[in-house]
Protein backbone atom coordinates (compact mmCIF):
# COMPACT_ATOMS: atom_id res chain seq x y z
CA MET A 1 61.40 -41.65 -80.20
CA THR A 2 64.14 -42.09 -82.76
CA HIS A 3 67.06 -39.94 -83.78
CA HIS A 4 67.94 -39.09 -87.41
CA ASN A 5 71.27 -37.44 -88.69
CA THR A 6 70.00 -36.51 -92.09
CA PRO A 7 69.75 -32.84 -93.34
CA SER A 8 66.40 -31.23 -92.38
CA PRO A 9 63.54 -31.58 -94.89
CA SER A 10 61.53 -28.64 -95.86
CA ALA A 11 58.02 -28.75 -94.54
CA PRO A 12 56.27 -25.39 -94.77
CA SER A 13 53.13 -24.96 -92.74
CA ALA A 14 51.13 -24.50 -95.96
CA LYS A 15 52.14 -28.07 -96.84
CA LEU A 16 51.03 -29.34 -93.48
CA ASP A 17 47.78 -27.44 -93.68
CA ARG A 18 46.91 -29.22 -96.88
CA LEU A 19 47.63 -32.60 -95.13
CA ILE A 20 45.97 -32.32 -91.79
CA ARG A 21 43.12 -30.52 -89.83
CA VAL A 22 42.14 -30.12 -86.16
CA GLY A 23 38.84 -31.74 -85.17
CA GLU A 24 36.96 -32.93 -82.13
CA THR A 25 37.54 -36.32 -80.47
CA HIS A 26 36.20 -38.16 -77.48
CA VAL A 27 39.01 -36.62 -75.47
CA GLY A 28 38.93 -33.05 -76.85
CA ARG A 29 40.73 -31.87 -80.02
CA GLY A 30 42.75 -34.10 -82.35
CA VAL A 31 44.72 -34.05 -85.58
CA PHE A 32 43.22 -35.74 -88.61
CA ALA A 33 44.33 -36.53 -92.13
CA ARG A 34 42.76 -34.46 -95.00
CA ARG A 35 44.12 -36.87 -97.55
CA ARG A 36 46.03 -40.14 -97.67
CA ILE A 37 49.55 -39.93 -96.28
CA PRO A 38 52.08 -42.57 -96.97
CA GLY A 39 54.01 -44.48 -94.26
CA GLY A 40 57.45 -42.97 -93.47
CA ALA A 41 56.40 -39.47 -94.51
CA VAL A 42 58.01 -36.65 -92.51
CA LEU A 43 55.00 -34.28 -91.89
CA GLY A 44 56.89 -31.43 -90.37
CA GLU A 45 58.74 -29.96 -87.47
CA ILE A 46 56.94 -29.48 -84.09
CA LEU A 47 57.27 -25.77 -83.63
CA GLY A 48 56.66 -23.90 -80.37
CA GLU A 49 58.37 -22.26 -77.48
CA ILE A 50 61.41 -23.75 -75.79
CA LEU A 51 61.06 -23.62 -71.99
CA ASP A 52 63.27 -24.30 -68.96
CA ASP A 53 60.39 -25.25 -66.61
CA HIS A 54 57.05 -26.89 -66.96
CA PRO A 55 54.28 -24.33 -67.06
CA GLU A 56 51.50 -25.12 -64.54
CA ASP A 57 48.83 -24.17 -67.01
CA SER A 58 49.73 -26.48 -69.95
CA SER A 59 49.05 -30.07 -70.71
CA TYR A 60 50.85 -30.02 -74.10
CA VAL A 61 54.56 -29.82 -73.04
CA MET A 62 57.03 -32.27 -74.60
CA GLU A 63 60.43 -33.08 -73.07
CA LEU A 64 63.41 -32.67 -75.42
CA PRO A 65 66.76 -34.62 -75.23
CA SER A 66 68.50 -31.53 -73.64
CA GLY A 67 66.07 -31.75 -70.80
CA LYS A 68 64.38 -28.50 -71.98
CA LEU A 69 60.76 -28.49 -72.70
CA LEU A 70 58.77 -27.72 -75.86
CA GLU A 71 55.43 -25.98 -75.68
CA PRO A 72 54.17 -26.97 -79.11
CA ALA A 73 52.12 -24.63 -81.37
CA ALA A 74 48.91 -25.60 -83.06
CA PRO A 75 48.06 -27.66 -84.99
CA LEU A 76 50.52 -30.40 -83.86
CA ARG A 77 49.96 -29.56 -80.14
CA PHE A 78 46.66 -31.43 -80.49
CA MET A 79 48.26 -34.84 -81.19
CA ASN A 80 46.62 -37.48 -78.99
CA HIS A 81 48.08 -40.69 -77.53
CA SER A 82 47.44 -44.20 -78.66
CA CYS A 83 49.13 -47.42 -77.61
CA ASP A 84 48.87 -48.34 -81.25
CA PRO A 85 50.23 -45.10 -82.86
CA ASN A 86 50.37 -44.30 -86.61
CA CYS A 87 52.95 -41.53 -86.13
CA GLU A 88 56.17 -41.05 -84.23
CA LEU A 89 58.21 -38.06 -83.07
CA PHE A 90 61.89 -37.97 -83.78
CA TYR A 91 64.89 -35.62 -83.16
CA TRP A 92 66.73 -34.51 -86.37
CA PHE A 93 70.30 -33.49 -86.05
CA ASP A 94 73.25 -32.71 -88.34
CA GLU A 95 76.50 -34.47 -87.49
CA ASP A 96 78.36 -31.51 -88.90
CA GLN A 97 76.91 -29.02 -86.56
CA THR A 98 79.03 -28.12 -83.54
CA VAL A 99 76.06 -27.14 -81.33
CA GLN A 100 72.95 -29.45 -81.63
CA GLU A 101 69.59 -27.70 -81.74
CA ASP A 102 66.49 -29.03 -80.13
CA ARG A 103 64.37 -29.89 -83.03
CA LEU A 104 61.47 -32.31 -82.94
CA TRP A 105 59.73 -33.71 -86.03
CA LEU A 106 56.65 -35.78 -86.81
CA GLN A 107 56.71 -38.83 -89.14
CA THR A 108 54.13 -41.42 -90.14
CA ILE A 109 54.76 -45.08 -89.12
CA ARG A 110 52.31 -46.51 -91.60
CA PRO A 111 49.95 -45.21 -94.23
CA ILE A 112 47.13 -42.93 -92.95
CA GLU A 113 43.74 -42.61 -94.69
CA PRO A 114 41.68 -39.38 -95.03
CA GLY A 115 39.68 -38.88 -91.86
CA ASP A 116 42.07 -40.97 -89.73
CA GLU A 117 43.33 -39.36 -86.50
CA LEU A 118 47.10 -38.97 -86.39
CA LEU A 119 48.30 -40.49 -83.08
CA ILE A 120 51.57 -40.77 -81.21
CA ASP A 121 52.67 -42.94 -78.15
CA TYR A 122 53.36 -40.37 -75.41
CA SER A 123 55.55 -42.93 -73.51
CA TRP A 124 55.57 -40.98 -70.30
CA PRO A 125 57.67 -42.06 -67.31
CA ALA A 126 55.81 -44.17 -64.71
CA ASP A 127 55.72 -41.45 -62.17
CA ALA A 128 53.74 -39.21 -64.57
CA ALA A 129 51.53 -41.93 -66.10
CA ILE A 130 47.84 -41.65 -66.32
CA ALA A 131 45.19 -44.27 -67.06
CA CYS A 132 44.82 -44.77 -70.78
CA ARG A 133 41.54 -45.08 -72.48
CA CYS A 134 42.85 -45.09 -76.20
CA GLY A 135 40.74 -48.16 -77.07
CA ALA A 136 43.56 -49.72 -79.17
CA GLY A 137 43.55 -53.47 -79.20
CA ASN A 138 46.99 -53.48 -77.59
CA CYS A 139 46.22 -50.72 -75.06
CA ARG A 140 48.54 -50.92 -72.09
CA GLY A 141 46.04 -49.44 -69.75
CA TRP A 142 48.42 -46.61 -68.85
CA ILE A 143 49.90 -43.75 -70.88
CA VAL A 144 53.46 -44.84 -69.82
CA ASP A 145 56.72 -45.83 -71.52
CA PRO A 146 56.41 -49.55 -72.37
CA ALA A 147 59.71 -50.23 -70.64
CA GLU A 148 58.20 -48.87 -67.35
CA LEU A 149 54.78 -50.66 -67.70
CA HIS A 150 56.01 -53.29 -65.07
CA LEU A 151 56.01 -50.41 -62.48
CA MET A 152 52.25 -49.73 -62.86
CA PRO A 153 49.52 -51.21 -60.62
CA PRO A 154 47.82 -54.21 -62.21
CA GLU A 155 44.55 -53.59 -64.06
CA GLY A 156 41.58 -53.84 -61.75
CA SER A 157 43.51 -52.97 -58.56
CA SER A 158 42.18 -50.24 -56.18
CA ASP A 159 45.06 -47.97 -57.11
CA GLU A 160 44.48 -48.25 -60.89
CA ASP A 161 44.34 -44.55 -61.46
CA THR A 162 47.33 -43.75 -59.27
CA PRO A 163 50.84 -44.00 -60.83
CA PRO A 164 53.76 -45.22 -58.51
CA THR A 165 55.69 -42.59 -56.60
CA PRO A 166 59.42 -42.46 -57.25
């Protein structure tokens, strides 16, 4: 995830609805491009509810730099993981603000064609990692932060689906 200190772009939801749609994937729902989207395009802010604690009934929560959690709203809550993502999340902040807000945005890494699924790298910590089946040519085998991949059991081991304990 990257940090930007440029003024916030305007990205009304009507604009986002013209660019993306929610559809079915091999892992449930996903977000797909309706039209070609250039690389480096800021698609919009990830909106939702800011929480202090992880809700037991959610699999969509994202951690923010403040340590708080974001329960994202549809449609961007349905972004799936890939070890070869075409989008990234970033935090946008204004250096002139005295209090920084927790604001998370979505940007394309490379051009996306109509019908392509928009994918991000979840980069979870090793103690929360799960086996990855994204199918990318560079799949790490785990949904884990690349810097913590060395903590994971080797592929083919008997504890392959069990992340390390802290």
